Amino acid sequence: MFRGAAALSLDDKGRLAIPTKYRKSLMLDCDGQMVCTIDIKQPCLLLYPLPEWQIIEQKLTTLSSMNPAERRLQRLLLGHAEDCQMDKNGRILIAPTLRQHADLEKKIMIIGQLNKFELWSEAAWHEQVATDMAAEQQDDLALSERLQDFSL
């Protein structure tokens, strides 16, 4: 499970170094094979270990190509999906089209999200955190049933 946030740098070739604490498990679980695609709701990327991505692909295969919303989801997620192989130095290459979607330049953030990572530009991440914190401070937010039963 991936958790926490870390500041990273993209090199001139568009590579990032996966934080050391995740490298061993990624090599054991998926031989360093990962898949990166766009987040369709946020200006970030989603980076999955291959076995986790295969679960997503299986779910996508059950959607109908005749339903416009389902076809759109397939097109966006699968059409932007890129294989990323972690090299011996723990680096992966992020395709230029993906970097453009998330406006990734030199300073980026990698955010653990249990079964995947999110990749954000550093500025967009800090902006998102501020927005999320402000929203949580509002007393008038309606909580889903699952959140009503959630406690820390």
C-alpha atoms as a PDB file:
ATOM      1  CA  MET A   1       0.000   0.000   0.000  1.00  0.00           C
ATOM      2  CA  PHE A   2       1.275   3.415  -0.950  1.00  0.00           C
ATOM      3  CA  ARG A   3       0.856   6.381   1.362  1.00  0.00           C
ATOM      4  CA  GLY A   4       2.450   9.741   1.957  1.00  0.00           C
ATOM      5  CA  ALA A   5       3.585  12.568  -0.277  1.00  0.00           C
ATOM      6  CA  ALA A   6       7.085  13.249  -1.560  1.00  0.00           C
ATOM      7  CA  ALA A   7       8.604  16.057  -3.589  1.00  0.00           C
ATOM      8  CA  LEU A   8      10.482  14.826  -6.657  1.00  0.00           C
ATOM      9  CA  SER A   9      12.229  16.318  -9.643  1.00  0.00           C
ATOM     10  CA  LEU A  10      11.757  15.420 -13.274  1.00  0.00           C
ATOM     11  CA  ASP A  11      15.018  15.255 -15.182  1.00  0.00           C
ATOM     12  CA  ASP A  12      15.489  16.741 -18.651  1.00  0.00           C
ATOM     13  CA  LYS A  13      14.310  13.495 -20.272  1.00  0.00           C
ATOM     14  CA  GLY A  14      11.038  13.428 -18.280  1.00  0.00           C
ATOM     15  CA  ARG A  15      12.115  10.742 -15.812  1.00  0.00           C
ATOM     16  CA  LEU A  16      11.346  10.655 -12.120  1.00  0.00           C
ATOM     17  CA  ALA A  17      12.911   8.521  -9.419  1.00  0.00           C
ATOM     18  CA  ILE A  18      10.400   6.468  -7.465  1.00  0.00           C
ATOM     19  CA  PRO A  19      10.997   7.036  -3.729  1.00  0.00           C
ATOM     20  CA  THR A  20      13.342   4.419  -2.308  1.00  0.00           C
ATOM     21  CA  LYS A  21      10.825   3.112   0.226  1.00  0.00           C
ATOM     22  CA  TYR A  22       8.605   1.804  -2.623  1.00  0.00           C
ATOM     23  CA  ARG A  23      11.196   0.383  -4.996  1.00  0.00           C
ATOM     24  CA  LYS A  24      11.708  -3.020  -3.394  1.00  0.00           C
ATOM     25  CA  SER A  25       7.992  -3.794  -3.175  1.00  0.00           C
ATOM     26  CA  LEU A  26       7.451  -2.621  -6.748  1.00  0.00           C
ATOM     27  CA  MET A  27      10.234  -4.886  -7.963  1.00  0.00           C
ATOM     28  CA  LEU A  28       8.807  -7.830  -6.016  1.00  0.00           C
ATOM     29  CA  ASP A  29       5.154  -7.236  -6.896  1.00  0.00           C
ATOM     30  CA  CYS A  30       5.410  -6.250 -10.545  1.00  0.00           C
ATOM     31  CA  ASP A  31       9.073  -6.412 -11.565  1.00  0.00           C
ATOM     32  CA  GLY A  32       9.022  -2.604 -11.807  1.00  0.00           C
ATOM     33  CA  GLN A  33       6.317  -2.634 -14.488  1.00  0.00           C
ATOM     34  CA  MET A  34       3.854   0.212 -14.076  1.00  0.00           C
ATOM     35  CA  VAL A  35       1.158   1.953 -16.105  1.00  0.00           C
ATOM     36  CA  CYS A  36       0.531   5.696 -16.106  1.00  0.00           C
ATOM     37  CA  THR A  37      -2.635   7.384 -17.351  1.00  0.00           C
ATOM     38  CA  ILE A  38      -4.526  10.627 -16.861  1.00  0.00           C
ATOM     39  CA  ASP A  39      -6.907  11.417 -14.046  1.00  0.00           C
ATOM     40  CA  ILE A  40     -10.126  12.479 -15.758  1.00  0.00           C
ATOM     41  CA  LYS A  41     -11.297  14.657 -12.841  1.00  0.00           C
ATOM     42  CA  GLN A  42      -8.055  16.292 -11.658  1.00  0.00           C
ATOM     43  CA  PRO A  43      -4.969  17.814 -13.332  1.00  0.00           C
ATOM     44  CA  CYS A  44      -2.769  14.907 -12.295  1.00  0.00           C
ATOM     45  CA  LEU A  45      -1.632  11.492 -13.468  1.00  0.00           C
ATOM     46  CA  LEU A  46      -2.391   8.067 -12.040  1.00  0.00           C
ATOM     47  CA  LEU A  47       0.512   5.629 -11.765  1.00  0.00           C
ATOM     48  CA  TYR A  48      -0.407   1.986 -11.137  1.00  0.00           C
ATOM     49  CA  PRO A  49       1.711  -1.115 -10.545  1.00  0.00           C
ATOM     50  CA  LEU A  50       0.863  -3.426 -13.452  1.00  0.00           C
ATOM     51  CA  PRO A  51      -1.251  -5.905 -11.399  1.00  0.00           C
ATOM     52  CA  GLU A  52      -3.408  -3.028 -10.088  1.00  0.00           C
ATOM     53  CA  TRP A  53      -3.798  -1.599 -13.594  1.00  0.00           C
ATOM     54  CA  GLN A  54      -4.884  -4.994 -14.903  1.00  0.00           C
ATOM     55  CA  ILE A  55      -7.799  -4.871 -12.435  1.00  0.00           C
ATOM     56  CA  ILE A  56      -8.795  -1.486 -13.889  1.00  0.00           C
ATOM     57  CA  GLU A  57      -8.487  -2.832 -17.433  1.00  0.00           C
ATOM     58  CA  GLN A  58     -10.709  -5.780 -16.554  1.00  0.00           C
ATOM     59  CA  LYS A  59     -13.363  -3.380 -15.260  1.00  0.00           C
ATOM     60  CA  LEU A  60     -13.041  -1.280 -18.415  1.00  0.00           C
ATOM     61  CA  THR A  61     -13.620  -4.340 -20.611  1.00  0.00           C
ATOM     62  CA  THR A  62     -17.048  -4.801 -19.006  1.00  0.00           C
ATOM     63  CA  LEU A  63     -18.174  -1.356 -20.180  1.00  0.00           C
ATOM     64  CA  SER A  64     -20.173  -1.009 -23.373  1.00  0.00           C
ATOM     65  CA  SER A  65     -18.596   0.680 -26.362  1.00  0.00           C
ATOM     66  CA  MET A  66     -22.154   1.560 -27.436  1.00  0.00           C
ATOM     67  CA  ASN A  67     -22.812   3.709 -24.356  1.00  0.00           C
ATOM     68  CA  PRO A  68     -21.277   7.173 -24.968  1.00  0.00           C
ATOM     69  CA  ALA A  69     -20.247   7.801 -21.333  1.00  0.00           C
ATOM     70  CA  GLU A  70     -18.704   4.343 -20.964  1.00  0.00           C
ATOM     71  CA  ARG A  71     -16.931   4.619 -24.307  1.00  0.00           C
ATOM     72  CA  ARG A  72     -15.598   8.052 -23.321  1.00  0.00           C
ATOM     73  CA  LEU A  73     -14.133   6.634 -20.096  1.00  0.00           C
ATOM     74  CA  GLN A  74     -12.483   3.774 -21.987  1.00  0.00           C
ATOM     75  CA  ARG A  75     -11.111   6.161 -24.595  1.00  0.00           C
ATOM     76  CA  LEU A  76      -9.657   8.574 -22.040  1.00  0.00           C
ATOM     77  CA  LEU A  77      -8.129   6.055 -19.641  1.00  0.00           C
ATOM     78  CA  LEU A  78      -6.925   3.471 -22.149  1.00  0.00           C
ATOM     79  CA  GLY A  79      -6.018   5.985 -24.830  1.00  0.00           C
ATOM     80  CA  HIS A  80      -3.635   7.755 -22.473  1.00  0.00           C
ATOM     81  CA  ALA A  81      -2.267   4.662 -20.722  1.00  0.00           C
ATOM     82  CA  GLU A  82       1.486   4.255 -21.105  1.00  0.00           C
ATOM     83  CA  ASP A  83       3.685   1.418 -19.874  1.00  0.00           C
ATOM     84  CA  CYS A  84       6.458   2.591 -17.552  1.00  0.00           C
ATOM     85  CA  GLN A  85       9.328   0.273 -16.694  1.00  0.00           C
ATOM     86  CA  MET A  86      11.355   1.159 -13.627  1.00  0.00           C
ATOM     87  CA  ASP A  87      15.065   1.086 -14.465  1.00  0.00           C
ATOM     88  CA  LYS A  88      17.885  -0.149 -12.211  1.00  0.00           C
ATOM     89  CA  ASN A  89      18.095   3.327 -10.639  1.00  0.00           C
ATOM     90  CA  GLY A  90      14.394   3.327  -9.745  1.00  0.00           C
ATOM     91  CA  ARG A  91      13.446   5.817 -12.462  1.00  0.00           C
ATOM     92  CA  ILE A  92      10.464   5.764 -14.807  1.00  0.00           C
ATOM     93  CA  LEU A  93       9.921   7.818 -17.936  1.00  0.00           C
ATOM     94  CA  ILE A  94       6.688   9.822 -18.119  1.00  0.00           C
ATOM     95  CA  ALA A  95       5.529  10.329 -21.723  1.00  0.00           C
ATOM     96  CA  PRO A  96       5.408  13.939 -22.971  1.00  0.00           C
ATOM     97  CA  THR A  97       1.635  13.820 -23.589  1.00  0.00           C
ATOM     98  CA  LEU A  98       1.066  12.727 -19.997  1.00  0.00           C
ATOM     99  CA  ARG A  99       3.419  15.390 -18.637  1.00  0.00           C
ATOM    100  CA  GLN A 100       1.506  17.983 -20.646  1.00  0.00           C
ATOM    101  CA  HIS A 101      -1.874  16.843 -19.253  1.00  0.00           C
ATOM    102  CA  ALA A 102      -0.713  17.359 -15.652  1.00  0.00           C
ATOM    103  CA  ASP A 103       1.498  20.363 -16.466  1.00  0.00           C
ATOM    104  CA  LEU A 104       4.506  18.517 -15.043  1.00  0.00           C
ATOM    105  CA  GLU A 105       7.754  20.385 -15.280  1.00  0.00           C
ATOM    106  CA  LYS A 106      10.747  20.189 -12.942  1.00  0.00           C
ATOM    107  CA  LYS A 107       9.122  20.104  -9.480  1.00  0.00           C
ATOM    108  CA  ILE A 108       6.500  17.434  -8.962  1.00  0.00           C
ATOM    109  CA  MET A 109       4.790  15.567  -6.132  1.00  0.00           C
ATOM    110  CA  ILE A 110       4.108  11.853  -5.853  1.00  0.00           C
ATOM    111  CA  ILE A 111       1.147  11.028  -3.636  1.00  0.00           C
ATOM    112  CA  GLY A 112       0.476   7.525  -2.325  1.00  0.00           C
ATOM    113  CA  GLN A 113      -3.165   6.484  -2.758  1.00  0.00           C
ATOM    114  CA  LEU A 114      -3.110   2.928  -1.360  1.00  0.00           C
ATOM    115  CA  ASN A 115      -3.034   0.929  -4.620  1.00  0.00           C
ATOM    116  CA  LYS A 116      -1.635   3.659  -6.888  1.00  0.00           C
ATOM    117  CA  PHE A 117       0.195   6.978  -6.959  1.00  0.00           C
ATOM    118  CA  GLU A 118      -0.938  10.376  -8.121  1.00  0.00           C
ATOM    119  CA  LEU A 119       1.607  12.594  -9.870  1.00  0.00           C
ATOM    120  CA  TRP A 120       1.023  16.358  -9.559  1.00  0.00           C
ATOM    121  CA  SER A 121       2.931  19.482 -10.411  1.00  0.00           C
ATOM    122  CA  GLU A 122       4.141  20.853  -7.091  1.00  0.00           C
ATOM    123  CA  ALA A 123       2.159  24.092  -7.496  1.00  0.00           C
ATOM    124  CA  ALA A 124      -1.077  22.302  -8.454  1.00  0.00           C
ATOM    125  CA  TRP A 125      -0.685  19.902  -5.512  1.00  0.00           C
ATOM    126  CA  HIS A 126      -0.330  22.703  -2.958  1.00  0.00           C
ATOM    127  CA  GLU A 127      -3.296  24.486  -4.517  1.00  0.00           C
ATOM    128  CA  GLN A 128      -5.383  21.288  -4.346  1.00  0.00           C
ATOM    129  CA  VAL A 129      -4.480  20.691  -0.702  1.00  0.00           C
ATOM    130  CA  ALA A 130      -5.487  24.266   0.183  1.00  0.00           C
ATOM    131  CA  THR A 131      -8.790  23.832  -1.678  1.00  0.00           C
ATOM    132  CA  ASP A 132      -9.475  20.488   0.013  1.00  0.00           C
ATOM    133  CA  MET A 133      -8.647  21.841   3.468  1.00  0.00           C
ATOM    134  CA  ALA A 134     -10.929  24.844   2.944  1.00  0.00           C
ATOM    135  CA  ALA A 135     -13.750  22.550   1.820  1.00  0.00           C
ATOM    136  CA  GLU A 136     -13.294  20.378   4.924  1.00  0.00           C
ATOM    137  CA  GLN A 137     -13.572  23.453   7.141  1.00  0.00           C
ATOM    138  CA  GLN A 138     -17.045  24.184   5.779  1.00  0.00           C
ATOM    139  CA  ASP A 139     -19.776  22.948   8.113  1.00  0.00           C
ATOM    140  CA  ASP A 140     -22.415  22.689   5.412  1.00  0.00           C
ATOM    141  CA  LEU A 141     -20.883  19.822   3.434  1.00  0.00           C
ATOM    142  CA  ALA A 142     -23.166  16.821   3.045  1.00  0.00           C
ATOM    143  CA  LEU A 143     -21.336  13.639   3.976  1.00  0.00           C
ATOM    144  CA  SER A 144     -21.862  10.392   2.116  1.00  0.00           C
ATOM    145  CA  GLU A 145     -23.131   7.471   4.149  1.00  0.00           C
ATOM    146  CA  ARG A 146     -19.653   5.917   4.160  1.00  0.00           C
ATOM    147  CA  LEU A 147     -18.082   9.142   5.455  1.00  0.00           C
ATOM    148  CA  GLN A 148     -20.670   9.466   8.208  1.00  0.00           C
ATOM    149  CA  ASP A 149     -19.424   6.152   9.622  1.00  0.00           C
ATOM    150  CA  PHE A 150     -15.741   6.970   9.144  1.00  0.00           C
ATOM    151  CA  SER A 151     -13.688   7.997  12.157  1.00  0.00           C
ATOM    152  CA  LEU A 152     -10.029   8.703  12.797  1.00  0.00           C
END
